[in-house]
PDB file of N, CA and C in Angstrom:
ATOM      1  N   MET A   1      11.540   2.300   7.254  1.00  0.00           N
ATOM      2  CA  MET A   1      11.004   3.568   7.663  1.00  0.00           C
ATOM      3  C   MET A   1      11.858   3.781   9.176  1.00  0.00           C
ATOM      4  N   GLN A   2      12.174   3.005   9.832  1.00  0.00           N
ATOM      5  CA  GLN A   2      12.972   3.265  10.850  1.00  0.00           C
ATOM      6  C   GLN A   2      14.712   3.614  10.506  1.00  0.00           C
ATOM      7  N   ARG A   3      14.640   3.563   9.669  1.00  0.00           N
ATOM      8  CA  ARG A   3      16.197   4.202   9.090  1.00  0.00           C
ATOM      9  C   ARG A   3      15.531   5.116   8.696  1.00  0.00           C
ATOM     10  N   MET A   4      14.797   5.632   8.051  1.00  0.00           N
ATOM     11  CA  MET A   4      14.559   6.734   7.276  1.00  0.00           C
ATOM     12  C   MET A   4      14.259   8.079   8.552  1.00  0.00           C
ATOM     13  N   GLN A   5      13.761   7.333   9.325  1.00  0.00           N
ATOM     14  CA  GLN A   5      13.438   8.555  10.828  1.00  0.00           C
ATOM     15  C   GLN A   5      14.278   9.040  11.353  1.00  0.00           C
ATOM     16  N   ALA A   6      15.247   7.917  11.394  1.00  0.00           N
ATOM     17  CA  ALA A   6      17.310   8.732  11.970  1.00  0.00           C
ATOM     18  C   ALA A   6      17.810   9.563  10.848  1.00  0.00           C
ATOM     19  N   LEU A   7      17.467   9.064   9.630  1.00  0.00           N
ATOM     20  CA  LEU A   7      18.150   9.726   8.386  1.00  0.00           C
ATOM     21  C   LEU A   7      18.024  11.457   7.809  1.00  0.00           C
ATOM     22  N   LEU A   8      16.556  11.133   8.163  1.00  0.00           N
ATOM     23  CA  LEU A   8      15.698  12.511   7.220  1.00  0.00           C
ATOM     24  C   LEU A   8      15.588  13.842   8.341  1.00  0.00           C
ATOM     25  N   PRO A   9      15.638  14.776   7.845  1.00  0.00           N
ATOM     26  CA  PRO A   9      15.199  15.972   8.811  1.00  0.00           C
ATOM     27  C   PRO A   9      14.276  16.062   9.736  1.00  0.00           C
ATOM     28  N   ALA A  10      14.798  16.572  11.012  1.00  0.00           N
ATOM     29  CA  ALA A  10      13.294  16.834  12.001  1.00  0.00           C
ATOM     30  C   ALA A  10      11.992  16.985  11.392  1.00  0.00           C
ATOM     31  N   SER A  11      12.208  18.316  10.194  1.00  0.00           N
ATOM     32  CA  SER A  11      10.773  18.592   9.627  1.00  0.00           C
ATOM     33  C   SER A  11      10.142  17.495   8.476  1.00  0.00           C
ATOM     34  N   VAL A  12      10.389  16.438   8.401  1.00  0.00           N
ATOM     35  CA  VAL A  12       9.962  15.363   7.323  1.00  0.00           C
ATOM     36  C   VAL A  12       9.118  14.355   8.042  1.00  0.00           C
ATOM     37  N   HIS A  13       7.985  14.520   8.031  1.00  0.00           N
ATOM     38  CA  HIS A  13       7.038  13.264   8.697  1.00  0.00           C
ATOM     39  C   HIS A  13       7.147  12.580   8.037  1.00  0.00           C
ATOM     40  N   LEU A  14       7.091  11.006   8.439  1.00  0.00           N
ATOM     41  CA  LEU A  14       6.473   9.872   8.205  1.00  0.00           C
ATOM     42  C   LEU A  14       5.346   9.229   8.547  1.00  0.00           C
ATOM     43  N   VAL A  15       4.780   8.300   6.911  1.00  0.00           N
ATOM     44  CA  VAL A  15       3.234   8.214   7.654  1.00  0.00           C
ATOM     45  C   VAL A  15       3.592   7.235   6.979  1.00  0.00           C
ATOM     46  N   SER A  16       2.757   6.073   7.865  1.00  0.00           N
ATOM     47  CA  SER A  16       2.467   4.582   7.535  1.00  0.00           C
ATOM     48  C   SER A  16       1.425   4.290   7.367  1.00  0.00           C
ATOM     49  N   ILE A  17       0.500   3.481   6.583  1.00  0.00           N
ATOM     50  CA  ILE A  17      -1.059   3.635   6.376  1.00  0.00           C
ATOM     51  C   ILE A  17      -1.159   1.886   6.207  1.00  0.00           C
ATOM     52  N   SER A  18      -1.929   1.748   7.184  1.00  0.00           N
ATOM     53  CA  SER A  18      -2.737   0.173   6.962  1.00  0.00           C
ATOM     54  C   SER A  18      -3.422  -0.039   5.716  1.00  0.00           C
ATOM     55  N   VAL A  19      -3.073  -1.192   5.301  1.00  0.00           N
ATOM     56  CA  VAL A  19      -4.183  -1.869   4.261  1.00  0.00           C
ATOM     57  C   VAL A  19      -4.686  -2.982   4.653  1.00  0.00           C
ATOM     58  N   ASP A  20      -4.901  -3.081   6.117  1.00  0.00           N
ATOM     59  CA  ASP A  20      -5.390  -3.891   6.485  1.00  0.00           C
ATOM     60  C   ASP A  20      -6.108  -3.391   7.897  1.00  0.00           C
ATOM     61  N   PRO A  21      -6.791  -2.558   7.712  1.00  0.00           N
ATOM     62  CA  PRO A  21      -8.065  -1.789   8.810  1.00  0.00           C
ATOM     63  C   PRO A  21      -8.295  -3.077   9.158  1.00  0.00           C
ATOM     64  N   LYS A  22      -8.931  -4.373   9.179  1.00  0.00           N
ATOM     65  CA  LYS A  22      -9.755  -4.939   9.998  1.00  0.00           C
ATOM     66  C   LYS A  22      -8.971  -5.631  10.854  1.00  0.00           C
ATOM     67  N   ARG A  23      -7.818  -5.598  11.157  1.00  0.00           N
ATOM     68  CA  ARG A  23      -6.881  -6.452  11.740  1.00  0.00           C
ATOM     69  C   ARG A  23      -5.686  -5.011  12.448  1.00  0.00           C
ATOM     70  N   ASP A  24      -5.613  -3.980  11.186  1.00  0.00           N
ATOM     71  CA  ASP A  24      -4.527  -2.968  12.096  1.00  0.00           C
ATOM     72  C   ASP A  24      -5.698  -2.266  13.019  1.00  0.00           C
ATOM     73  N   THR A  25      -5.525  -2.809  14.233  1.00  0.00           N
ATOM     74  CA  THR A  25      -6.224  -1.284  14.803  1.00  0.00           C
ATOM     75  C   THR A  25      -5.410  -0.176  15.102  1.00  0.00           C
ATOM     76  N   PRO A  26      -5.870   0.930  15.928  1.00  0.00           N
ATOM     77  CA  PRO A  26      -5.229   1.968  16.713  1.00  0.00           C
ATOM     78  C   PRO A  26      -4.501   1.362  17.589  1.00  0.00           C
ATOM     79  N   ARG A  27      -4.833   0.493  18.372  1.00  0.00           N
ATOM     80  CA  ARG A  27      -4.232  -0.068  19.749  1.00  0.00           C
ATOM     81  C   ARG A  27      -2.950  -0.925  19.094  1.00  0.00           C
ATOM     82  N   ARG A  28      -2.966  -1.982  18.226  1.00  0.00           N
ATOM     83  CA  ARG A  28      -2.236  -2.726  17.395  1.00  0.00           C
ATOM     84  C   ARG A  28      -0.609  -1.798  16.715  1.00  0.00           C
ATOM     85  N   LEU A  29      -1.763  -0.884  16.472  1.00  0.00           N
ATOM     86  CA  LEU A  29      -0.375   0.145  15.512  1.00  0.00           C
ATOM     87  C   LEU A  29       0.266   0.882  16.583  1.00  0.00           C
ATOM     88  N   ALA A  30      -0.132   1.135  17.590  1.00  0.00           N
ATOM     89  CA  ALA A  30       0.417   1.593  18.185  1.00  0.00           C
ATOM     90  C   ALA A  30       1.590   1.038  19.168  1.00  0.00           C
ATOM     91  N   LYS A  31       1.284  -0.191  19.266  1.00  0.00           N
ATOM     92  CA  LYS A  31       2.488  -1.238  19.607  1.00  0.00           C
ATOM     93  C   LYS A  31       3.453  -1.547  18.641  1.00  0.00           C
ATOM     94  N   TYR A  32       3.005  -1.803  17.368  1.00  0.00           N
ATOM     95  CA  TYR A  32       4.175  -1.810  16.122  1.00  0.00           C
ATOM     96  C   TYR A  32       4.972  -0.535  16.563  1.00  0.00           C
ATOM     97  N   ALA A  33       4.160   0.624  16.743  1.00  0.00           N
ATOM     98  CA  ALA A  33       5.111   2.285  16.311  1.00  0.00           C
ATOM     99  C   ALA A  33       6.482   2.157  17.391  1.00  0.00           C
ATOM    100  N   GLY A  34       5.884   1.504  18.878  1.00  0.00           N
ATOM    101  CA  GLY A  34       6.473   1.412  19.953  1.00  0.00           C
ATOM    102  C   GLY A  34       8.058   0.310  19.633  1.00  0.00           C
ATOM    103  N   HIS A  35       7.583  -0.285  19.099  1.00  0.00           N
ATOM    104  CA  HIS A  35       8.534  -1.435  18.538  1.00  0.00           C
ATOM    105  C   HIS A  35       9.585  -1.325  17.772  1.00  0.00           C
ATOM    106  N   TYR A  36       9.323   0.191  16.786  1.00  0.00           N
ATOM    107  CA  TYR A  36      10.344   0.480  15.763  1.00  0.00           C
ATOM    108  C   TYR A  36      10.754   1.977  16.278  1.00  0.00           C
ATOM    109  N   GLY A  37      10.115   2.157  17.906  1.00  0.00           N
ATOM    110  CA  GLY A  37      10.897   3.242  18.415  1.00  0.00           C
ATOM    111  C   GLY A  37      10.566   4.259  16.865  1.00  0.00           C
ATOM    112  N   ALA A  38       8.912   4.689  17.327  1.00  0.00           N
ATOM    113  CA  ALA A  38       8.273   5.597  16.024  1.00  0.00           C
ATOM    114  C   ALA A  38       8.397   6.777  17.117  1.00  0.00           C
ATOM    115  N   ASN A  39       9.126   7.900  16.442  1.00  0.00           N
ATOM    116  CA  ASN A  39       8.534   9.317  17.196  1.00  0.00           C
ATOM    117  C   ASN A  39       7.678   9.710  16.991  1.00  0.00           C
ATOM    118  N   PRO A  40       6.162   9.902  17.804  1.00  0.00           N
ATOM    119  CA  PRO A  40       5.351   9.908  17.480  1.00  0.00           C
ATOM    120  C   PRO A  40       4.734  11.303  17.023  1.00  0.00           C
ATOM    121  N   GLU A  41       5.945  12.164  17.608  1.00  0.00           N
ATOM    122  CA  GLU A  41       5.381  13.695  16.746  1.00  0.00           C
ATOM    123  C   GLU A  41       6.050  13.998  15.153  1.00  0.00           C
ATOM    124  N   ARG A  42       6.686  12.939  14.643  1.00  0.00           N
ATOM    125  CA  ARG A  42       7.323  12.540  13.581  1.00  0.00           C
ATOM    126  C   ARG A  42       6.661  11.487  12.238  1.00  0.00           C
ATOM    127  N   TRP A  43       6.024  10.461  13.088  1.00  0.00           N
ATOM    128  CA  TRP A  43       5.564   9.182  12.814  1.00  0.00           C
ATOM    129  C   TRP A  43       4.558   8.704  12.785  1.00  0.00           C
ATOM    130  N   HIS A  44       3.819   8.697  11.835  1.00  0.00           N
ATOM    131  CA  HIS A  44       2.049   9.090  11.980  1.00  0.00           C
ATOM    132  C   HIS A  44       2.111   7.327  11.566  1.00  0.00           C
ATOM    133  N   PHE A  45       1.032   6.618  12.293  1.00  0.00           N
ATOM    134  CA  PHE A  45       0.271   5.180  11.664  1.00  0.00           C
ATOM    135  C   PHE A  45      -1.176   5.878  11.618  1.00  0.00           C
ATOM    136  N   LEU A  46      -1.756   5.556  10.199  1.00  0.00           N
ATOM    137  CA  LEU A  46      -2.622   5.658  10.114  1.00  0.00           C
ATOM    138  C   LEU A  46      -4.015   4.185   9.392  1.00  0.00           C
ATOM    139  N   THR A  47      -5.323   4.411   9.372  1.00  0.00           N
ATOM    140  CA  THR A  47      -5.828   3.272   9.133  1.00  0.00           C
ATOM    141  C   THR A  47      -7.316   4.114   9.177  1.00  0.00           C
ATOM    142  N   GLY A  48      -8.216   3.102   8.724  1.00  0.00           N
ATOM    143  CA  GLY A  48      -9.491   3.858   8.152  1.00  0.00           C
ATOM    144  C   GLY A  48     -10.193   2.812   7.477  1.00  0.00           C
ATOM    145  N   PRO A  49     -11.529   3.064   7.366  1.00  0.00           N
ATOM    146  CA  PRO A  49     -12.626   2.312   6.442  1.00  0.00           C
ATOM    147  C   PRO A  49     -11.269   1.695   4.936  1.00  0.00           C
ATOM    148  N   GLU A  50     -11.485   0.649   4.448  1.00  0.00           N
ATOM    149  CA  GLU A  50     -11.214   0.138   3.811  1.00  0.00           C
ATOM    150  C   GLU A  50     -11.506   0.796   2.277  1.00  0.00           C
ATOM    151  N   PRO A  51     -12.665   1.382   2.159  1.00  0.00           N
ATOM    152  CA  PRO A  51     -12.868   1.796   0.471  1.00  0.00           C
ATOM    153  C   PRO A  51     -12.063   3.512   1.174  1.00  0.00           C
ATOM    154  N   VAL A  52     -11.926   3.619   1.460  1.00  0.00           N
ATOM    155  CA  VAL A  52     -11.298   5.734   2.009  1.00  0.00           C
ATOM    156  C   VAL A  52      -9.807   4.960   1.609  1.00  0.00           C
ATOM    157  N   ILE A  53      -8.724   3.335   2.486  1.00  0.00           N
ATOM    158  CA  ILE A  53      -7.908   3.474   2.124  1.00  0.00           C
ATOM    159  C   ILE A  53      -7.512   2.999   0.706  1.00  0.00           C
ATOM    160  N   SER A  54      -7.955   1.940   0.251  1.00  0.00           N
ATOM    161  CA  SER A  54      -8.376   1.321  -1.502  1.00  0.00           C
ATOM    162  C   SER A  54      -8.320   3.156  -2.136  1.00  0.00           C
ATOM    163  N   SER A  55      -8.928   3.805  -2.056  1.00  0.00           N
ATOM    164  CA  SER A  55      -9.173   4.998  -2.549  1.00  0.00           C
ATOM    165  C   SER A  55      -7.867   5.711  -2.737  1.00  0.00           C
ATOM    166  N   LEU A  56      -7.665   6.167  -1.670  1.00  0.00           N
ATOM    167  CA  LEU A  56      -6.073   6.897  -1.025  1.00  0.00           C
ATOM    168  C   LEU A  56      -4.984   6.626  -1.838  1.00  0.00           C
ATOM    169  N   THR A  57      -5.005   5.058  -1.932  1.00  0.00           N
ATOM    170  CA  THR A  57      -3.888   4.199  -2.376  1.00  0.00           C
ATOM    171  C   THR A  57      -3.635   4.240  -3.753  1.00  0.00           C
ATOM    172  N   ARG A  58      -4.718   3.984  -4.501  1.00  0.00           N
ATOM    173  CA  ARG A  58      -5.256   3.700  -5.586  1.00  0.00           C
ATOM    174  C   ARG A  58      -4.849   5.167  -6.386  1.00  0.00           C
ATOM    175  N   GLU A  59      -5.954   5.737  -6.420  1.00  0.00           N
ATOM    176  CA  GLU A  59      -6.584   6.916  -6.705  1.00  0.00           C
ATOM    177  C   GLU A  59      -5.353   8.691  -6.192  1.00  0.00           C
ATOM    178  N   GLY A  60      -5.106   8.542  -5.090  1.00  0.00           N
ATOM    179  CA  GLY A  60      -4.449   9.446  -4.655  1.00  0.00           C
ATOM    180  C   GLY A  60      -2.557   9.162  -4.758  1.00  0.00           C
ATOM    181  N   PHE A  61      -2.173   7.996  -4.479  1.00  0.00           N
ATOM    182  CA  PHE A  61      -0.464   7.751  -4.716  1.00  0.00           C
ATOM    183  C   PHE A  61      -0.357   7.141  -5.832  1.00  0.00           C
ATOM    184  N   ARG A  62      -1.278   6.281  -6.256  1.00  0.00           N
ATOM    185  CA  ARG A  62      -1.482   5.755  -7.682  1.00  0.00           C
ATOM    186  C   ARG A  62      -0.470   4.556  -7.342  1.00  0.00           C
ATOM    187  N   LEU A  63      -0.782   4.056  -6.496  1.00  0.00           N
ATOM    188  CA  LEU A  63       0.256   2.706  -5.777  1.00  0.00           C
ATOM    189  C   LEU A  63      -0.889   1.132  -6.295  1.00  0.00           C
ATOM    190  N   GLY A  64      -0.076   0.289  -5.942  1.00  0.00           N
ATOM    191  CA  GLY A  64      -1.137  -1.109  -6.352  1.00  0.00           C
ATOM    192  C   GLY A  64      -1.257  -1.650  -4.967  1.00  0.00           C
ATOM    193  N   TYR A  65      -2.580  -1.898  -5.173  1.00  0.00           N
ATOM    194  CA  TYR A  65      -3.163  -2.653  -3.870  1.00  0.00           C
ATOM    195  C   TYR A  65      -4.754  -3.593  -4.328  1.00  0.00           C
ATOM    196  N   ALA A  66      -4.948  -4.778  -3.782  1.00  0.00           N
ATOM    197  CA  ALA A  66      -5.548  -5.499  -3.592  1.00  0.00           C
ATOM    198  C   ALA A  66      -6.147  -5.753  -2.224  1.00  0.00           C
ATOM    199  N   ASP A  67      -7.503  -5.775  -2.153  1.00  0.00           N
ATOM    200  CA  ASP A  67      -8.345  -5.697  -0.714  1.00  0.00           C
ATOM    201  C   ASP A  67      -8.300  -7.383  -0.565  1.00  0.00           C
ATOM    202  N   GLY A  68      -7.605  -8.054  -0.597  1.00  0.00           N
ATOM    203  CA  GLY A  68      -7.936  -9.314  -0.075  1.00  0.00           C
ATOM    204  C   GLY A  68      -8.910 -10.041   0.009  1.00  0.00           C
ATOM    205  N   SER A  69      -9.854 -10.012  -0.679  1.00  0.00           N
ATOM    206  CA  SER A  69     -11.265 -10.544  -0.900  1.00  0.00           C
ATOM    207  C   SER A  69     -11.475 -11.669  -0.916  1.00  0.00           C
ATOM    208  N   ASP A  70     -10.376 -11.984  -1.877  1.00  0.00           N
ATOM    209  CA  ASP A  70     -10.386 -13.830  -1.986  1.00  0.00           C
ATOM    210  C   ASP A  70      -9.258 -14.417  -1.025  1.00  0.00           C
ATOM    211  N   PRO A  71      -9.938 -14.824   0.042  1.00  0.00           N
ATOM    212  CA  PRO A  71      -9.573 -16.237   0.608  1.00  0.00           C
ATOM    213  C   PRO A  71      -7.746 -16.192   1.001  1.00  0.00           C
ATOM    214  N   ALA A  72      -7.552 -16.602  -0.376  1.00  0.00           N
ATOM    215  CA  ALA A  72      -6.480 -17.344  -1.038  1.00  0.00           C
ATOM    216  C   ALA A  72      -5.539 -16.352  -1.543  1.00  0.00           C
ATOM    217  N   GLU A  73      -6.002 -15.156  -1.535  1.00  0.00           N
ATOM    218  CA  GLU A  73      -5.072 -14.050  -1.927  1.00  0.00           C
ATOM    219  C   GLU A  73      -4.377 -13.203  -0.976  1.00  0.00           C
ATOM    220  N   PRO A  74      -3.551 -13.113   0.093  1.00  0.00           N
ATOM    221  CA  PRO A  74      -3.393 -11.935   0.621  1.00  0.00           C
ATOM    222  C   PRO A  74      -3.587 -10.432   0.648  1.00  0.00           C
ATOM    223  N   ILE A  75      -3.557  -9.920   1.031  1.00  0.00           N
ATOM    224  CA  ILE A  75      -3.454  -8.466   1.079  1.00  0.00           C
ATOM    225  C   ILE A  75      -2.374  -8.032   0.291  1.00  0.00           C
ATOM    226  N   ILE A  76      -2.302  -6.908  -0.764  1.00  0.00           N
ATOM    227  CA  ILE A  76      -1.068  -6.979  -1.708  1.00  0.00           C
ATOM    228  C   ILE A  76      -1.073  -5.604  -2.136  1.00  0.00           C
ATOM    229  N   HIS A  77      -0.256  -4.861  -1.279  1.00  0.00           N
ATOM    230  CA  HIS A  77       0.137  -3.367  -1.549  1.00  0.00           C
ATOM    231  C   HIS A  77       1.458  -3.286  -2.153  1.00  0.00           C
ATOM    232  N   SER A  78       2.237  -1.823  -2.144  1.00  0.00           N
ATOM    233  CA  SER A  78       3.373  -1.298  -2.790  1.00  0.00           C
ATOM    234  C   SER A  78       4.243  -1.481  -1.920  1.00  0.00           C
ATOM    235  N   GLN A  79       5.444  -1.443  -1.798  1.00  0.00           N
ATOM    236  CA  GLN A  79       5.772  -1.061  -0.716  1.00  0.00           C
ATOM    237  C   GLN A  79       7.292   0.014  -1.553  1.00  0.00           C
ATOM    238  N   ARG A  80       6.830   0.850  -2.117  1.00  0.00           N
ATOM    239  CA  ARG A  80       7.136   2.157  -2.571  1.00  0.00           C
ATOM    240  C   ARG A  80       6.812   2.887  -1.538  1.00  0.00           C
ATOM    241  N   PHE A  81       8.533   4.155  -1.529  1.00  0.00           N
ATOM    242  CA  PHE A  81       7.636   5.317  -0.776  1.00  0.00           C
ATOM    243  C   PHE A  81       7.374   6.237  -1.963  1.00  0.00           C
ATOM    244  N   VAL A  82       6.279   7.493  -1.106  1.00  0.00           N
ATOM    245  CA  VAL A  82       5.889   8.462  -2.016  1.00  0.00           C
ATOM    246  C   VAL A  82       6.547   9.585  -1.375  1.00  0.00           C
ATOM    247  N   LEU A  83       7.136  10.415  -1.506  1.00  0.00           N
ATOM    248  CA  LEU A  83       7.579  11.935  -1.151  1.00  0.00           C
ATOM    249  C   LEU A  83       6.804  12.988  -1.509  1.00  0.00           C
ATOM    250  N   VAL A  84       5.847  13.649  -0.421  1.00  0.00           N
ATOM    251  CA  VAL A  84       4.816  14.426  -0.479  1.00  0.00           C
ATOM    252  C   VAL A  84       5.527  15.450   0.270  1.00  0.00           C
ATOM    253  N   ASP A  85       5.114  17.063  -0.913  1.00  0.00           N
ATOM    254  CA  ASP A  85       5.866  18.179  -0.602  1.00  0.00           C
ATOM    255  C   ASP A  85       4.476  18.765   0.587  1.00  0.00           C
ATOM    256  N   ALA A  86       5.017  19.843   1.439  1.00  0.00           N
ATOM    257  CA  ALA A  86       4.139  20.726   2.389  1.00  0.00           C
ATOM    258  C   ALA A  86       2.942  20.717   1.357  1.00  0.00           C
ATOM    259  N   GLN A  87       2.731  20.820   0.079  1.00  0.00           N
ATOM    260  CA  GLN A  87       1.539  21.540  -0.310  1.00  0.00           C
ATOM    261  C   GLN A  87       0.723  20.006  -0.984  1.00  0.00           C
ATOM    262  N   GLY A  88       1.341  18.898  -0.590  1.00  0.00           N
ATOM    263  CA  GLY A  88       0.095  18.188  -0.805  1.00  0.00           C
ATOM    264  C   GLY A  88       0.912  17.301  -2.455  1.00  0.00           C
ATOM    265  N   GLN A  89       1.975  17.499  -3.247  1.00  0.00           N
ATOM    266  CA  GLN A  89       2.311  17.606  -4.147  1.00  0.00           C
ATOM    267  C   GLN A  89       2.926  16.356  -4.441  1.00  0.00           C
ATOM    268  N   ILE A  90       3.016  15.248  -4.832  1.00  0.00           N
ATOM    269  CA  ILE A  90       3.882  14.134  -4.806  1.00  0.00           C
ATOM    270  C   ILE A  90       4.974  14.359  -5.911  1.00  0.00           C
ATOM    271  N   ARG A  91       6.092  14.151  -5.002  1.00  0.00           N
ATOM    272  CA  ARG A  91       7.503  14.517  -5.588  1.00  0.00           C
ATOM    273  C   ARG A  91       8.289  13.339  -6.206  1.00  0.00           C
ATOM    274  N   GLY A  92       8.108  12.120  -5.137  1.00  0.00           N
ATOM    275  CA  GLY A  92       8.884  11.035  -6.099  1.00  0.00           C
ATOM    276  C   GLY A  92       8.129   9.472  -5.711  1.00  0.00           C
ATOM    277  N   TYR A  93       8.403   8.495  -6.004  1.00  0.00           N
ATOM    278  CA  TYR A  93       8.201   7.360  -5.757  1.00  0.00           C
ATOM    279  C   TYR A  93       9.410   6.743  -5.546  1.00  0.00           C
ATOM    280  N   TYR A  94       9.610   5.654  -4.987  1.00  0.00           N
ATOM    281  CA  TYR A  94      11.100   5.252  -4.311  1.00  0.00           C
ATOM    282  C   TYR A  94      11.037   3.810  -3.992  1.00  0.00           C
ATOM    283  N   ALA A  95      11.761   2.880  -4.503  1.00  0.00           N
ATOM    284  CA  ALA A  95      11.287   1.676  -3.879  1.00  0.00           C
ATOM    285  C   ALA A  95      12.395   1.418  -2.747  1.00  0.00           C
ATOM    286  N   SER A  96      11.325   1.018  -1.671  1.00  0.00           N
ATOM    287  CA  SER A  96      12.133   0.727  -0.362  1.00  0.00           C
ATOM    288  C   SER A  96      13.523  -0.317  -0.246  1.00  0.00           C
ATOM    289  N   ASP A  97      12.934  -1.249  -1.214  1.00  0.00           N
ATOM    290  CA  ASP A  97      14.491  -2.276  -1.350  1.00  0.00           C
ATOM    291  C   ASP A  97      15.542  -2.013  -1.907  1.00  0.00           C
ATOM    292  N   ASP A  98      15.721  -0.881  -2.562  1.00  0.00           N
ATOM    293  CA  ASP A  98      16.383  -0.610  -3.473  1.00  0.00           C
ATOM    294  C   ASP A  98      17.256   0.882  -2.911  1.00  0.00           C
ATOM    295  N   PRO A  99      18.579   0.427  -2.117  1.00  0.00           N
ATOM    296  CA  PRO A  99      19.877   1.338  -1.391  1.00  0.00           C
ATOM    297  C   PRO A  99      20.235   2.614  -2.114  1.00  0.00           C
ATOM    298  N   LEU A 100      20.048   2.724  -3.637  1.00  0.00           N
ATOM    299  CA  LEU A 100      20.217   3.632  -4.221  1.00  0.00           C
ATOM    300  C   LEU A 100      19.150   4.995  -4.375  1.00  0.00           C
ATOM    301  N   GLN A 101      18.062   4.332  -4.034  1.00  0.00           N
ATOM    302  CA  GLN A 101      16.748   4.776  -3.831  1.00  0.00           C
ATOM    303  C   GLN A 101      16.308   5.522  -3.139  1.00  0.00           C
ATOM    304  N   MET A 102      16.609   4.873  -1.796  1.00  0.00           N
ATOM    305  CA  MET A 102      16.637   5.443  -0.131  1.00  0.00           C
ATOM    306  C   MET A 102      17.467   6.298  -0.053  1.00  0.00           C
ATOM    307  N   GLU A 103      18.747   6.525  -0.797  1.00  0.00           N
ATOM    308  CA  GLU A 103      19.476   7.514  -0.693  1.00  0.00           C
ATOM    309  C   GLU A 103      18.977   8.683  -1.437  1.00  0.00           C
ATOM    310  N   ARG A 104      18.828   8.365  -2.717  1.00  0.00           N
ATOM    311  CA  ARG A 104      17.966   9.172  -3.642  1.00  0.00           C
ATOM    312  C   ARG A 104      17.063   9.950  -3.052  1.00  0.00           C
ATOM    313  N   LEU A 105      16.346   9.083  -2.301  1.00  0.00           N
ATOM    314  CA  LEU A 105      14.843   9.539  -1.655  1.00  0.00           C
ATOM    315  C   LEU A 105      15.581  11.332   0.107  1.00  0.00           C
ATOM    316  N   VAL A 106      16.759  10.238   0.656  1.00  0.00           N
ATOM    317  CA  VAL A 106      16.998  11.466   1.827  1.00  0.00           C
ATOM    318  C   VAL A 106      17.295  12.122   1.046  1.00  0.00           C
ATOM    319  N   ARG A 107      17.877  12.435  -0.256  1.00  0.00           N
ATOM    320  CA  ARG A 107      18.469  13.459  -0.549  1.00  0.00           C
ATOM    321  C   ARG A 107      17.816  14.688  -1.211  1.00  0.00           C
ATOM    322  N   ASP A 108      16.264  13.859  -1.984  1.00  0.00           N
ATOM    323  CA  ASP A 108      15.193  14.537  -2.650  1.00  0.00           C
ATOM    324  C   ASP A 108      14.336  14.858  -1.679  1.00  0.00           C
ATOM    325  N   ALA A 109      14.307  14.860  -0.569  1.00  0.00           N
ATOM    326  CA  ALA A 109      13.769  15.246   1.073  1.00  0.00           C
ATOM    327  C   ALA A 109      13.999  16.185   1.683  1.00  0.00           C
ATOM    328  N   ARG A 110      15.599  16.447   1.965  1.00  0.00           N
ATOM    329  CA  ARG A 110      16.644  17.588   2.097  1.00  0.00           C
ATOM    330  C   ARG A 110      16.056  18.954   1.539  1.00  0.00           C
ATOM    331  N   SER A 111      16.506  18.088   0.451  1.00  0.00           N
ATOM    332  CA  SER A 111      15.998  19.420  -0.787  1.00  0.00           C
ATOM    333  C   SER A 111      14.999  20.594  -0.744  1.00  0.00           C
ATOM    334  N   LEU A 112      14.237  19.736  -0.771  1.00  0.00           N
ATOM    335  CA  LEU A 112      12.260  20.257   0.010  1.00  0.00           C
ATOM    336  C   LEU A 112      12.758  21.205   0.799  1.00  0.00           C
TER     337      LEU A 112
END
């Protein structure tokens, strides 16, 4: 996300949604944002009640997510980036560990 902040036009906003609201308090997210040089005008860190996060992740973004209710299993979430246009429509999914897909994300975002 830090790299995307530098590569994407200033009109593009970045949103990081915590999938661990019990630990990721607004204060902790602010510290994380500061560590990565997040521009608060463009890069937003969100948290909220677990049922809301779960619903948004699964039904809204159609991404994988497990709540970690089994103590032996960590919280599981997707590492894909989702490009959403100004009308709230999903325009693409991109694997964050694939440099070619990250280049495509930058191109697609600029074309919007």
